[in-house]
Amino acid sequence: MTVSITNPVSAEVDATGLSCPLPVLKTRNAMKKLTTGEMLRVCSTDHGSVKDIESFCNQTGNDLVSTKEEAGTYEFLIRKS
């Protein structure tokens, strides 16, 4: 994945091996520490995190920049609004 130089990833959450609701809870806690415009990368192996992270971003107004899946691992890139 390529990240723009103007918006490098500021923090990462490794939620691999965790099941619902832990990936979204760890994401929420990490987002609280970021300032507007900073980016968070989240990795999860829980299939439910796809909808959970999307819902979280919709509810909080943060931007879900990208979602990808590779070999059972989901990667989300979120920009704090």
Protein backbone atom coordinates (compact mmCIF):
# COMPACT_ATOMS: atom_id res chain seq x y z
CA MET A 1 0.00 0.00 0.00
CA THR A 2 1.28 3.46 -0.85
CA VAL A 3 0.55 6.36 1.49
CA SER A 4 0.82 9.96 0.37
CA ILE A 5 3.83 11.88 1.70
CA THR A 6 1.44 14.62 2.83
CA ASN A 7 -0.53 12.13 4.97
CA PRO A 8 1.81 9.48 6.33
CA VAL A 9 0.46 6.95 8.80
CA SER A 10 0.73 8.42 12.29
CA ALA A 11 -0.21 5.31 14.26
CA GLU A 12 -1.00 1.64 13.81
CA VAL A 13 -3.31 -0.81 15.56
CA ASP A 14 -2.51 -4.53 15.37
CA ALA A 15 -5.80 -6.26 16.14
CA THR A 16 -4.85 -9.53 14.45
CA GLY A 17 -6.13 -12.54 16.35
CA LEU A 18 -8.76 -10.47 18.18
CA SER A 19 -12.49 -10.88 17.66
CA CYS A 20 -15.43 -8.49 17.84
CA PRO A 21 -15.65 -5.99 19.46
CA LEU A 22 -11.93 -5.63 20.25
CA PRO A 23 -10.68 -4.44 16.82
CA VAL A 24 -13.11 -1.51 16.74
CA LEU A 25 -12.51 -0.69 20.42
CA LYS A 26 -8.74 -0.57 19.86
CA THR A 27 -9.38 1.59 16.78
CA ARG A 28 -11.55 4.00 18.77
CA ASN A 29 -8.93 4.33 21.50
CA ALA A 30 -6.16 4.97 18.97
CA MET A 31 -8.23 7.58 17.09
CA LYS A 32 -8.72 9.55 20.32
CA LYS A 33 -4.96 10.14 20.46
CA LEU A 34 -4.71 11.52 16.90
CA THR A 35 -5.23 15.07 15.71
CA THR A 36 -7.29 16.11 12.70
CA GLY A 37 -5.78 14.90 9.44
CA GLU A 38 -3.58 12.21 10.96
CA MET A 39 -3.84 8.67 9.61
CA LEU A 40 -4.32 5.37 11.42
CA ARG A 41 -3.58 1.93 9.93
CA VAL A 42 -5.55 -0.95 11.45
CA CYS A 43 -4.84 -4.64 10.80
CA SER A 44 -7.39 -7.27 11.78
CA THR A 45 -8.14 -10.92 11.06
CA ASP A 46 -11.78 -10.67 12.19
CA HIS A 47 -14.09 -10.67 9.15
CA GLY A 48 -16.66 -8.71 11.19
CA SER A 49 -14.23 -5.82 11.50
CA VAL A 50 -14.96 -4.87 7.87
CA LYS A 51 -18.49 -3.72 8.72
CA ASP A 52 -17.54 -2.62 12.24
CA ILE A 53 -14.77 -0.26 11.08
CA GLU A 54 -16.98 1.11 8.31
CA SER A 55 -19.80 1.78 10.80
CA PHE A 56 -17.36 3.32 13.27
CA CYS A 57 -16.13 5.77 10.61
CA ASN A 58 -19.68 6.65 9.55
CA GLN A 59 -20.74 7.29 13.16
CA THR A 60 -17.67 9.33 14.11
CA GLY A 61 -17.22 11.25 10.84
CA ASN A 62 -13.70 9.93 10.29
CA ASP A 63 -12.70 9.06 6.71
CA LEU A 64 -12.21 5.41 5.78
CA VAL A 65 -9.56 6.02 3.13
CA SER A 66 -9.04 2.40 2.11
CA THR A 67 -9.84 -1.19 2.97
CA LYS A 68 -8.02 -4.20 1.63
CA GLU A 69 -7.83 -7.91 2.38
CA GLU A 70 -4.88 -10.17 1.78
CA ALA A 71 -4.59 -13.76 2.95
CA GLY A 72 -7.27 -13.31 5.63
CA THR A 73 -5.85 -10.09 7.06
CA TYR A 74 -7.83 -6.89 6.65
CA GLU A 75 -6.08 -3.54 6.52
CA PHE A 76 -7.88 -0.24 7.03
CA LEU A 77 -6.53 3.25 6.57
CA ILE A 78 -8.50 5.90 8.47
CA ARG A 79 -8.03 9.69 8.45
CA LYS A 80 -9.18 11.56 11.54
CA SER A 81 -11.67 14.29 10.71
